[in-house]
Amino acid sequence: MGYQIVTDTAGNLPKRIADGHGIIVLPLTYRFMGQELTCTDVEAFDGADFYGKMRSGEAVVTSQIVPQTYLEVFEPILKQGDDIICVCMASGISGTYGSASVAGRMLQEDYPERRVEVIDAMGAALGEGFVAVRSAELRSRGVSFEDNVEQLRRLSVRMCNVFTVDDLMYLRRGGRLSNMAAIVGTVLGIKPLLKGSEEAKIVAFSKVRGRKKSIEALAECYTALVEAPEEQTVGIVEADCREDARRLEAMIQKSGKEPKEILTVGYEPVTGSHVGPGALALFFEGREDVRTALDSYPHLR
């Protein structure tokens, strides 16, 4: 008897990484240009084409994973005698966490000896994907199911999800931004700084003037709040702004707190359609109060 780790494609994990860790990844679906689509490997996804079409006005409609899908994936795992840890994107921005929780409760009535724990990663993109990877790493080291779950819940709180966008229209349209007042000023070249909050929602915590300053601000947040950088992989996710991602990589490498590794990937289309073309995000493990400390930017220390 062991346990399996399940997550979804909103975690932005390259297929090679998910497969290498034995993580089961469920695809989110989206409707684009008249087709129902999925993206199962972010590294094979043509982000330039997708986000270019979005800039031209092509609409994207996304769908959360429904309970029935989780039932169909979970039940064979439980039937073979394994438990399940399911890592989902932030409950404050998607109903996927709720779907997995419903499925887990339903199946535990039929398999009372088995365990299904659904983890709210309190973020998306690599802020979710890194939590799933940590779970797999703990499993490979022989960590028990209970200890794995406990460590993941603590990690989710400490995982910093911070990003900037070119246009808040996409977050506003999808209802993903909790404090709408942040929209004021974007037409004047003011760029928002956004975070995953302690309520697992997206909120704006500051503004800066211009794109260059917004990228510098992400790096400043990292320098002020990262913990044990030499032991971790830092994530950068970009929506067709690879040069900006490279600038952010260079800033982190020169920060005096260089991480073990930097993983830079493109936004997969479901999460990417909500943040919009030009979105740039940074993910790292920070101190215990990282989600509230960002509110004091630029006086983080």
C-alpha atoms as a PDB file:
ATOM      1  CA  MET A   1       0.000   0.000   0.000  1.00  0.00           C
ATOM      2  CA  GLY A   2       1.288   3.449  -0.961  1.00  0.00           C
ATOM      3  CA  TYR A   3      -0.108   6.732  -2.154  1.00  0.00           C
ATOM      4  CA  GLN A   4      -0.475   8.479  -5.494  1.00  0.00           C
ATOM      5  CA  ILE A   5      -0.112  12.189  -6.254  1.00  0.00           C
ATOM      6  CA  VAL A   6      -2.619  13.861  -8.539  1.00  0.00           C
ATOM      7  CA  THR A   7      -2.625  17.427  -9.842  1.00  0.00           C
ATOM      8  CA  ASP A   8      -3.805  19.265 -12.964  1.00  0.00           C
ATOM      9  CA  THR A   9      -2.327  21.131 -15.901  1.00  0.00           C
ATOM     10  CA  ALA A  10      -2.871  24.523 -14.257  1.00  0.00           C
ATOM     11  CA  GLY A  11       0.288  23.673 -12.300  1.00  0.00           C
ATOM     12  CA  ASN A  12       2.325  24.409 -15.463  1.00  0.00           C
ATOM     13  CA  LEU A  13       4.653  21.473 -14.910  1.00  0.00           C
ATOM     14  CA  PRO A  14       6.507  20.342 -18.025  1.00  0.00           C
ATOM     15  CA  LYS A  15       5.499  16.780 -18.875  1.00  0.00           C
ATOM     16  CA  ARG A  16       9.074  15.557 -18.428  1.00  0.00           C
ATOM     17  CA  ILE A  17       9.047  16.757 -14.808  1.00  0.00           C
ATOM     18  CA  ALA A  18       5.606  15.396 -13.942  1.00  0.00           C
ATOM     19  CA  ASP A  19       6.388  12.032 -15.534  1.00  0.00           C
ATOM     20  CA  GLY A  20       9.798  11.896 -13.888  1.00  0.00           C
ATOM     21  CA  HIS A  21       8.192  12.267 -10.482  1.00  0.00           C
ATOM     22  CA  GLY A  22       5.314   9.898 -11.156  1.00  0.00           C
ATOM     23  CA  ILE A  23       2.676  12.620 -10.812  1.00  0.00           C
ATOM     24  CA  ILE A  24      -0.742  12.018 -12.367  1.00  0.00           C
ATOM     25  CA  VAL A  25      -1.808  15.189 -14.213  1.00  0.00           C
ATOM     26  CA  LEU A  26      -5.426  15.857 -15.192  1.00  0.00           C
ATOM     27  CA  PRO A  27      -5.960  18.199 -18.160  1.00  0.00           C
ATOM     28  CA  LEU A  28      -8.043  21.344 -17.893  1.00  0.00           C
ATOM     29  CA  THR A  29     -10.023  22.136 -21.033  1.00  0.00           C
ATOM     30  CA  TYR A  30     -10.518  25.387 -22.909  1.00  0.00           C
ATOM     31  CA  ARG A  31     -12.500  26.466 -25.948  1.00  0.00           C
ATOM     32  CA  PHE A  32     -10.582  28.506 -28.497  1.00  0.00           C
ATOM     33  CA  MET A  33     -11.380  29.387 -32.109  1.00  0.00           C
ATOM     34  CA  GLY A  34     -14.270  26.937 -32.180  1.00  0.00           C
ATOM     35  CA  GLN A  35     -12.363  23.969 -30.773  1.00  0.00           C
ATOM     36  CA  GLU A  36     -12.381  22.180 -27.408  1.00  0.00           C
ATOM     37  CA  LEU A  37      -8.723  21.782 -26.468  1.00  0.00           C
ATOM     38  CA  THR A  38      -6.307  20.667 -23.767  1.00  0.00           C
ATOM     39  CA  CYS A  39      -2.623  21.366 -23.176  1.00  0.00           C
ATOM     40  CA  THR A  40      -0.809  18.405 -21.686  1.00  0.00           C
ATOM     41  CA  ASP A  41       2.760  19.681 -22.071  1.00  0.00           C
ATOM     42  CA  VAL A  42       3.501  23.357 -21.603  1.00  0.00           C
ATOM     43  CA  GLU A  43       6.918  23.009 -23.255  1.00  0.00           C
ATOM     44  CA  ALA A  44       5.299  21.858 -26.507  1.00  0.00           C
ATOM     45  CA  PHE A  45       2.631  24.584 -26.439  1.00  0.00           C
ATOM     46  CA  ASP A  46       2.927  27.418 -28.981  1.00  0.00           C
ATOM     47  CA  GLY A  47       2.452  30.335 -26.626  1.00  0.00           C
ATOM     48  CA  ALA A  48       3.482  32.974 -29.151  1.00  0.00           C
ATOM     49  CA  ASP A  49       0.698  31.920 -31.513  1.00  0.00           C
ATOM     50  CA  PHE A  50      -1.921  31.548 -28.761  1.00  0.00           C
ATOM     51  CA  TYR A  51      -1.220  34.858 -27.025  1.00  0.00           C
ATOM     52  CA  GLY A  52      -0.808  36.601 -30.357  1.00  0.00           C
ATOM     53  CA  LYS A  53      -4.335  35.560 -31.269  1.00  0.00           C
ATOM     54  CA  MET A  54      -5.570  36.713 -27.858  1.00  0.00           C
ATOM     55  CA  ARG A  55      -4.025  40.133 -28.506  1.00  0.00           C
ATOM     56  CA  SER A  56      -5.978  40.212 -31.767  1.00  0.00           C
ATOM     57  CA  GLY A  57      -9.216  39.691 -29.865  1.00  0.00           C
ATOM     58  CA  GLU A  58      -9.754  35.924 -29.968  1.00  0.00           C
ATOM     59  CA  ALA A  59     -11.721  34.870 -26.894  1.00  0.00           C
ATOM     60  CA  VAL A  60     -10.910  31.902 -24.660  1.00  0.00           C
ATOM     61  CA  VAL A  61     -13.475  30.037 -22.557  1.00  0.00           C
ATOM     62  CA  THR A  62     -12.095  27.812 -19.814  1.00  0.00           C
ATOM     63  CA  SER A  63     -13.641  24.999 -17.791  1.00  0.00           C
ATOM     64  CA  GLN A  64     -12.836  23.660 -14.354  1.00  0.00           C
ATOM     65  CA  ILE A  65     -12.439  19.934 -13.760  1.00  0.00           C
ATOM     66  CA  VAL A  66     -15.768  18.477 -12.664  1.00  0.00           C
ATOM     67  CA  PRO A  67     -16.256  15.964  -9.805  1.00  0.00           C
ATOM     68  CA  GLN A  68     -17.023  13.119 -12.239  1.00  0.00           C
ATOM     69  CA  THR A  69     -13.551  13.408 -13.768  1.00  0.00           C
ATOM     70  CA  TYR A  70     -11.955  13.110 -10.346  1.00  0.00           C
ATOM     71  CA  LEU A  71     -14.184  10.152  -9.517  1.00  0.00           C
ATOM     72  CA  GLU A  72     -13.022   8.350 -12.660  1.00  0.00           C
ATOM     73  CA  VAL A  73      -9.358   8.984 -11.814  1.00  0.00           C
ATOM     74  CA  PHE A  74      -9.516   8.465  -8.049  1.00  0.00           C
ATOM     75  CA  GLU A  75     -11.539   5.260  -7.876  1.00  0.00           C
ATOM     76  CA  PRO A  76      -9.084   2.918  -9.662  1.00  0.00           C
ATOM     77  CA  ILE A  77      -6.307   4.216  -7.399  1.00  0.00           C
ATOM     78  CA  LEU A  78      -8.312   3.522  -4.251  1.00  0.00           C
ATOM     79  CA  LYS A  79      -9.459   0.159  -5.601  1.00  0.00           C
ATOM     80  CA  GLN A  80      -5.845  -0.978  -6.050  1.00  0.00           C
ATOM     81  CA  GLY A  81      -5.173  -0.137  -2.401  1.00  0.00           C
ATOM     82  CA  ASP A  82      -3.411   3.227  -2.641  1.00  0.00           C
ATOM     83  CA  ASP A  83      -4.260   6.516  -0.959  1.00  0.00           C
ATOM     84  CA  ILE A  84      -4.363   9.863  -2.792  1.00  0.00           C
ATOM     85  CA  ILE A  85      -2.871  13.309  -2.316  1.00  0.00           C
ATOM     86  CA  CYS A  86      -4.472  15.696  -4.796  1.00  0.00           C
ATOM     87  CA  VAL A  87      -2.887  19.133  -5.256  1.00  0.00           C
ATOM     88  CA  CYS A  88      -5.254  21.745  -6.707  1.00  0.00           C
ATOM     89  CA  MET A  89      -4.921  25.363  -7.723  1.00  0.00           C
ATOM     90  CA  ALA A  90      -6.091  28.046  -5.321  1.00  0.00           C
ATOM     91  CA  SER A  91      -9.629  27.544  -4.051  1.00  0.00           C
ATOM     92  CA  GLY A  92     -10.169  31.303  -4.267  1.00  0.00           C
ATOM     93  CA  ILE A  93      -9.779  31.405  -8.048  1.00  0.00           C
ATOM     94  CA  SER A  94     -11.126  28.070  -9.266  1.00  0.00           C
ATOM     95  CA  GLY A  95     -13.788  25.521  -8.430  1.00  0.00           C
ATOM     96  CA  THR A  96     -11.419  22.662  -9.207  1.00  0.00           C
ATOM     97  CA  TYR A  97     -10.447  22.312  -5.528  1.00  0.00           C
ATOM     98  CA  GLY A  98     -14.141  21.968  -4.679  1.00  0.00           C
ATOM     99  CA  SER A  99     -14.650  19.339  -7.374  1.00  0.00           C
ATOM    100  CA  ALA A 100     -11.777  17.225  -6.080  1.00  0.00           C
ATOM    101  CA  SER A 101     -13.029  17.566  -2.507  1.00  0.00           C
ATOM    102  CA  VAL A 102     -16.537  16.445  -3.481  1.00  0.00           C
ATOM    103  CA  ALA A 103     -15.161  13.412  -5.308  1.00  0.00           C
ATOM    104  CA  GLY A 104     -12.905  12.505  -2.385  1.00  0.00           C
ATOM    105  CA  ARG A 105     -15.763  12.608   0.098  1.00  0.00           C
ATOM    106  CA  MET A 106     -18.013  10.524  -2.129  1.00  0.00           C
ATOM    107  CA  LEU A 107     -15.411   7.817  -2.639  1.00  0.00           C
ATOM    108  CA  GLN A 108     -14.420   7.567   0.986  1.00  0.00           C
ATOM    109  CA  GLU A 109     -17.943   6.354   1.708  1.00  0.00           C
ATOM    110  CA  ASP A 110     -17.217   3.373  -0.576  1.00  0.00           C
ATOM    111  CA  TYR A 111     -13.574   2.972   0.475  1.00  0.00           C
ATOM    112  CA  PRO A 112     -13.556   3.881   4.174  1.00  0.00           C
ATOM    113  CA  GLU A 113     -10.155   2.278   4.721  1.00  0.00           C
ATOM    114  CA  ARG A 114      -8.520   4.550   2.121  1.00  0.00           C
ATOM    115  CA  ARG A 115      -7.548   8.217   2.411  1.00  0.00           C
ATOM    116  CA  VAL A 116      -8.004  11.108  -0.020  1.00  0.00           C
ATOM    117  CA  GLU A 117      -6.457  14.445   0.961  1.00  0.00           C
ATOM    118  CA  VAL A 118      -7.056  17.467  -1.256  1.00  0.00           C
ATOM    119  CA  ILE A 119      -4.449  20.213  -0.914  1.00  0.00           C
ATOM    120  CA  ASP A 120      -5.287  23.836  -1.651  1.00  0.00           C
ATOM    121  CA  ALA A 121      -2.012  25.070  -3.169  1.00  0.00           C
ATOM    122  CA  MET A 122      -3.219  28.652  -2.621  1.00  0.00           C
ATOM    123  CA  GLY A 123      -1.810  29.540  -6.033  1.00  0.00           C
ATOM    124  CA  ALA A 124      -1.663  28.487  -9.656  1.00  0.00           C
ATOM    125  CA  ALA A 125       0.974  27.871 -12.328  1.00  0.00           C
ATOM    126  CA  LEU A 126       4.238  26.772 -10.711  1.00  0.00           C
ATOM    127  CA  GLY A 127       2.891  27.925  -7.348  1.00  0.00           C
ATOM    128  CA  GLU A 128       0.721  24.829  -7.637  1.00  0.00           C
ATOM    129  CA  GLY A 129       3.121  22.671  -9.615  1.00  0.00           C
ATOM    130  CA  PHE A 130       5.968  23.051  -7.121  1.00  0.00           C
ATOM    131  CA  VAL A 131       3.701  21.824  -4.316  1.00  0.00           C
ATOM    132  CA  ALA A 132       2.935  18.670  -6.304  1.00  0.00           C
ATOM    133  CA  VAL A 133       6.631  18.134  -7.006  1.00  0.00           C
ATOM    134  CA  ARG A 134       7.457  18.509  -3.316  1.00  0.00           C
ATOM    135  CA  SER A 135       4.871  15.873  -2.507  1.00  0.00           C
ATOM    136  CA  ALA A 136       6.508  13.486  -4.986  1.00  0.00           C
ATOM    137  CA  GLU A 137       9.969  14.215  -3.590  1.00  0.00           C
ATOM    138  CA  LEU A 138       8.771  13.492  -0.059  1.00  0.00           C
ATOM    139  CA  ARG A 139       7.183  10.259  -1.238  1.00  0.00           C
ATOM    140  CA  SER A 140      10.437   9.161  -2.870  1.00  0.00           C
ATOM    141  CA  ARG A 141      12.215   9.722   0.457  1.00  0.00           C
ATOM    142  CA  GLY A 142       9.762   7.438   2.228  1.00  0.00           C
ATOM    143  CA  VAL A 143       7.861  10.169   4.052  1.00  0.00           C
ATOM    144  CA  SER A 144       4.523   8.945   5.373  1.00  0.00           C
ATOM    145  CA  PHE A 145       1.193  10.019   3.919  1.00  0.00           C
ATOM    146  CA  GLU A 146       0.332  12.022   7.046  1.00  0.00           C
ATOM    147  CA  ASP A 147       3.660  13.856   7.193  1.00  0.00           C
ATOM    148  CA  ASN A 148       3.526  14.559   3.470  1.00  0.00           C
ATOM    149  CA  VAL A 149       0.110  16.205   3.799  1.00  0.00           C
ATOM    150  CA  GLU A 150       1.239  18.262   6.797  1.00  0.00           C
ATOM    151  CA  GLN A 151       4.345  19.530   4.999  1.00  0.00           C
ATOM    152  CA  LEU A 152       2.363  20.421   1.875  1.00  0.00           C
ATOM    153  CA  ARG A 153      -0.127  22.518   3.829  1.00  0.00           C
ATOM    154  CA  ARG A 154       2.739  24.476   5.384  1.00  0.00           C
ATOM    155  CA  LEU A 155       4.487  24.829   2.028  1.00  0.00           C
ATOM    156  CA  SER A 156       1.354  26.192   0.348  1.00  0.00           C
ATOM    157  CA  VAL A 157       1.232  29.051   2.849  1.00  0.00           C
ATOM    158  CA  ARG A 158       4.925  29.851   2.319  1.00  0.00           C
ATOM    159  CA  MET A 159       4.855  29.612  -1.474  1.00  0.00           C
ATOM    160  CA  CYS A 160       5.070  33.143  -2.832  1.00  0.00           C
ATOM    161  CA  ASN A 161       2.979  33.747  -5.948  1.00  0.00           C
ATOM    162  CA  VAL A 162       3.760  37.248  -7.240  1.00  0.00           C
ATOM    163  CA  PHE A 163       3.195  38.586 -10.725  1.00  0.00           C
ATOM    164  CA  THR A 164       2.484  41.518 -12.985  1.00  0.00           C
ATOM    165  CA  VAL A 165       0.290  41.815 -16.065  1.00  0.00           C
ATOM    166  CA  ASP A 166       0.161  44.030 -19.115  1.00  0.00           C
ATOM    167  CA  ASP A 167      -3.603  44.456 -19.010  1.00  0.00           C
ATOM    168  CA  LEU A 168      -5.937  43.833 -16.063  1.00  0.00           C
ATOM    169  CA  MET A 169      -8.851  43.379 -18.479  1.00  0.00           C
ATOM    170  CA  TYR A 170      -8.319  39.608 -18.542  1.00  0.00           C
ATOM    171  CA  LEU A 171      -8.424  39.185 -14.760  1.00  0.00           C
ATOM    172  CA  ARG A 172     -11.397  41.519 -14.537  1.00  0.00           C
ATOM    173  CA  ARG A 173     -13.277  39.693 -17.305  1.00  0.00           C
ATOM    174  CA  GLY A 174     -12.781  36.343 -15.580  1.00  0.00           C
ATOM    175  CA  GLY A 175     -13.651  37.692 -12.128  1.00  0.00           C
ATOM    176  CA  ARG A 176     -10.283  36.596 -10.751  1.00  0.00           C
ATOM    177  CA  LEU A 177      -9.188  39.919  -9.231  1.00  0.00           C
ATOM    178  CA  SER A 178     -10.548  40.515  -5.739  1.00  0.00           C
ATOM    179  CA  ASN A 179      -9.742  44.222  -5.290  1.00  0.00           C
ATOM    180  CA  MET A 180     -10.983  45.881  -8.454  1.00  0.00           C
ATOM    181  CA  ALA A 181      -9.730  49.343  -7.436  1.00  0.00           C
ATOM    182  CA  ALA A 182      -6.310  48.272  -8.698  1.00  0.00           C
ATOM    183  CA  ILE A 183      -7.547  48.782 -12.258  1.00  0.00           C
ATOM    184  CA  VAL A 184      -7.383  52.566 -11.923  1.00  0.00           C
ATOM    185  CA  GLY A 185      -4.257  53.962 -13.498  1.00  0.00           C
ATOM    186  CA  THR A 186      -3.323  51.191 -15.916  1.00  0.00           C
ATOM    187  CA  VAL A 187      -4.020  53.451 -18.898  1.00  0.00           C
ATOM    188  CA  LEU A 188      -1.377  55.860 -17.591  1.00  0.00           C
ATOM    189  CA  GLY A 189       1.399  53.288 -17.727  1.00  0.00           C
ATOM    190  CA  ILE A 190       0.913  52.139 -14.148  1.00  0.00           C
ATOM    191  CA  LYS A 191       1.598  48.424 -13.805  1.00  0.00           C
ATOM    192  CA  PRO A 192      -0.022  46.400 -11.015  1.00  0.00           C
ATOM    193  CA  LEU A 193       1.820  44.055  -8.696  1.00  0.00           C
ATOM    194  CA  LEU A 194      -0.354  41.088  -7.790  1.00  0.00           C
ATOM    195  CA  LYS A 195      -0.083  38.218  -5.352  1.00  0.00           C
ATOM    196  CA  GLY A 196      -1.764  35.098  -4.090  1.00  0.00           C
ATOM    197  CA  SER A 197      -3.314  36.187  -0.809  1.00  0.00           C
ATOM    198  CA  GLU A 198      -3.729  34.399   2.509  1.00  0.00           C
ATOM    199  CA  GLU A 199      -7.340  33.715   1.408  1.00  0.00           C
ATOM    200  CA  ALA A 200      -6.045  31.990  -1.758  1.00  0.00           C
ATOM    201  CA  LYS A 201      -7.304  34.832  -3.965  1.00  0.00           C
ATOM    202  CA  ILE A 202      -5.596  37.170  -6.414  1.00  0.00           C
ATOM    203  CA  VAL A 203      -5.160  40.684  -5.049  1.00  0.00           C
ATOM    204  CA  ALA A 204      -3.164  43.723  -6.092  1.00  0.00           C
ATOM    205  CA  PHE A 205      -0.716  44.838  -3.410  1.00  0.00           C
ATOM    206  CA  SER A 206       1.052  47.742  -5.134  1.00  0.00           C
ATOM    207  CA  LYS A 207       1.611  49.609  -8.401  1.00  0.00           C
ATOM    208  CA  VAL A 208       4.685  50.866 -10.203  1.00  0.00           C
ATOM    209  CA  ARG A 209       5.175  52.992 -13.279  1.00  0.00           C
ATOM    210  CA  GLY A 210       6.247  51.092 -16.377  1.00  0.00           C
ATOM    211  CA  ARG A 211       7.091  47.554 -17.331  1.00  0.00           C
ATOM    212  CA  LYS A 212      10.759  47.776 -16.371  1.00  0.00           C
ATOM    213  CA  LYS A 213       9.889  48.820 -12.836  1.00  0.00           C
ATOM    214  CA  SER A 214       7.362  46.020 -12.494  1.00  0.00           C
ATOM    215  CA  ILE A 215      10.003  43.412 -13.366  1.00  0.00           C
ATOM    216  CA  GLU A 216      12.444  45.004 -10.926  1.00  0.00           C
ATOM    217  CA  ALA A 217       9.728  44.893  -8.267  1.00  0.00           C
ATOM    218  CA  LEU A 218       9.299  41.133  -8.679  1.00  0.00           C
ATOM    219  CA  ALA A 219      13.026  40.676  -8.144  1.00  0.00           C
ATOM    220  CA  GLU A 220      12.938  42.952  -5.091  1.00  0.00           C
ATOM    221  CA  CYS A 221      10.152  40.855  -3.558  1.00  0.00           C
ATOM    222  CA  TYR A 222      12.287  37.760  -4.073  1.00  0.00           C
ATOM    223  CA  THR A 223      15.382  39.275  -2.499  1.00  0.00           C
ATOM    224  CA  ALA A 224      13.459  40.458   0.550  1.00  0.00           C
ATOM    225  CA  LEU A 225      11.346  37.377   1.212  1.00  0.00           C
ATOM    226  CA  VAL A 226      13.049  34.241  -0.107  1.00  0.00           C
ATOM    227  CA  GLU A 227      14.172  31.623   2.414  1.00  0.00           C
ATOM    228  CA  ALA A 228      17.052  29.177   1.824  1.00  0.00           C
ATOM    229  CA  PRO A 229      17.362  29.988  -1.894  1.00  0.00           C
ATOM    230  CA  GLU A 230      20.320  27.652  -2.337  1.00  0.00           C
ATOM    231  CA  GLU A 231      18.029  24.712  -1.569  1.00  0.00           C
ATOM    232  CA  GLN A 232      15.179  25.483  -3.926  1.00  0.00           C
ATOM    233  CA  THR A 233      14.076  25.807  -7.515  1.00  0.00           C
ATOM    234  CA  VAL A 234      12.567  29.189  -8.309  1.00  0.00           C
ATOM    235  CA  GLY A 235       9.860  29.379 -10.968  1.00  0.00           C
ATOM    236  CA  ILE A 236       9.234  32.019 -13.619  1.00  0.00           C
ATOM    237  CA  VAL A 237       6.170  31.782 -15.866  1.00  0.00           C
ATOM    238  CA  GLU A 238       5.594  34.058 -18.845  1.00  0.00           C
ATOM    239  CA  ALA A 239       2.777  34.656 -21.306  1.00  0.00           C
ATOM    240  CA  ASP A 240       4.661  35.420 -24.515  1.00  0.00           C
ATOM    241  CA  CYS A 241       7.217  37.751 -22.910  1.00  0.00           C
ATOM    242  CA  ARG A 242      10.313  35.574 -22.920  1.00  0.00           C
ATOM    243  CA  GLU A 243      12.764  38.487 -22.985  1.00  0.00           C
ATOM    244  CA  ASP A 244      11.212  39.930 -19.837  1.00  0.00           C
ATOM    245  CA  ALA A 245      11.498  36.506 -18.216  1.00  0.00           C
ATOM    246  CA  ARG A 246      15.210  36.461 -19.080  1.00  0.00           C
ATOM    247  CA  ARG A 247      15.644  39.874 -17.479  1.00  0.00           C
ATOM    248  CA  LEU A 248      13.989  38.599 -14.325  1.00  0.00           C
ATOM    249  CA  GLU A 249      16.200  35.502 -14.351  1.00  0.00           C
ATOM    250  CA  ALA A 250      19.298  37.709 -14.534  1.00  0.00           C
ATOM    251  CA  MET A 251      18.095  39.911 -11.676  1.00  0.00           C
ATOM    252  CA  ILE A 252      17.534  36.890  -9.447  1.00  0.00           C
ATOM    253  CA  GLN A 253      20.928  35.446 -10.306  1.00  0.00           C
ATOM    254  CA  LYS A 254      22.574  38.755  -9.388  1.00  0.00           C
ATOM    255  CA  SER A 255      20.512  39.304  -6.235  1.00  0.00           C
ATOM    256  CA  GLY A 256      23.063  37.786  -3.880  1.00  0.00           C
ATOM    257  CA  LYS A 257      20.514  35.052  -3.155  1.00  0.00           C
ATOM    258  CA  GLU A 258      20.981  32.821  -6.182  1.00  0.00           C
ATOM    259  CA  PRO A 259      18.736  29.745  -6.085  1.00  0.00           C
ATOM    260  CA  LYS A 260      19.746  26.173  -6.786  1.00  0.00           C
ATOM    261  CA  GLU A 261      17.878  26.378 -10.086  1.00  0.00           C
ATOM    262  CA  ILE A 262      15.500  28.596 -12.030  1.00  0.00           C
ATOM    263  CA  LEU A 263      12.746  26.898 -14.028  1.00  0.00           C
ATOM    264  CA  THR A 264      11.220  29.177 -16.668  1.00  0.00           C
ATOM    265  CA  VAL A 265       8.182  28.021 -18.623  1.00  0.00           C
ATOM    266  CA  GLY A 266       5.376  29.566 -20.637  1.00  0.00           C
ATOM    267  CA  TYR A 267       1.897  29.916 -19.184  1.00  0.00           C
ATOM    268  CA  GLU A 268      -0.337  27.062 -20.251  1.00  0.00           C
ATOM    269  CA  PRO A 269      -3.495  28.346 -21.975  1.00  0.00           C
ATOM    270  CA  VAL A 270      -6.085  27.968 -19.201  1.00  0.00           C
ATOM    271  CA  THR A 271      -4.317  29.961 -16.488  1.00  0.00           C
ATOM    272  CA  GLY A 272      -2.650  32.101 -19.140  1.00  0.00           C
ATOM    273  CA  SER A 273      -5.963  33.187 -20.638  1.00  0.00           C
ATOM    274  CA  HIS A 274      -6.966  34.683 -17.278  1.00  0.00           C
ATOM    275  CA  VAL A 275      -3.783  36.681 -16.685  1.00  0.00           C
ATOM    276  CA  GLY A 276      -3.439  37.620 -20.357  1.00  0.00           C
ATOM    277  CA  PRO A 277      -0.618  38.163 -22.835  1.00  0.00           C
ATOM    278  CA  GLY A 278       2.432  39.740 -21.257  1.00  0.00           C
ATOM    279  CA  ALA A 279       1.844  38.335 -17.785  1.00  0.00           C
ATOM    280  CA  LEU A 280       5.042  37.567 -15.879  1.00  0.00           C
ATOM    281  CA  ALA A 281       5.023  35.586 -12.624  1.00  0.00           C
ATOM    282  CA  LEU A 282       7.564  34.537 -10.012  1.00  0.00           C
ATOM    283  CA  PHE A 283       7.253  31.622  -7.569  1.00  0.00           C
ATOM    284  CA  PHE A 284       9.500  30.823  -4.632  1.00  0.00           C
ATOM    285  CA  GLU A 285       9.452  29.571  -1.059  1.00  0.00           C
ATOM    286  CA  GLY A 286       9.417  32.480   1.329  1.00  0.00           C
ATOM    287  CA  ARG A 287       9.154  33.111   5.011  1.00  0.00           C
ATOM    288  CA  GLU A 288       6.063  32.169   7.017  1.00  0.00           C
ATOM    289  CA  ASP A 289       4.398  35.588   6.579  1.00  0.00           C
ATOM    290  CA  VAL A 290       5.240  35.955   2.881  1.00  0.00           C
ATOM    291  CA  ARG A 291       1.627  36.420   1.775  1.00  0.00           C
ATOM    292  CA  THR A 292       1.003  39.348   4.110  1.00  0.00           C
ATOM    293  CA  ALA A 293       4.528  40.814   4.050  1.00  0.00           C
ATOM    294  CA  LEU A 294       4.084  41.768   0.396  1.00  0.00           C
ATOM    295  CA  ASP A 295       1.555  44.391   1.493  1.00  0.00           C
ATOM    296  CA  SER A 296       4.410  46.515   2.828  1.00  0.00           C
ATOM    297  CA  TYR A 297       6.109  46.779  -0.565  1.00  0.00           C
ATOM    298  CA  PRO A 298       8.451  48.603  -1.222  1.00  0.00           C
ATOM    299  CA  HIS A 299       9.401  48.540   2.480  1.00  0.00           C
ATOM    300  CA  LEU A 300       9.444  44.758   2.814  1.00  0.00           C
ATOM    301  CA  ARG A 301      12.342  44.472   5.212  1.00  0.00           C
END
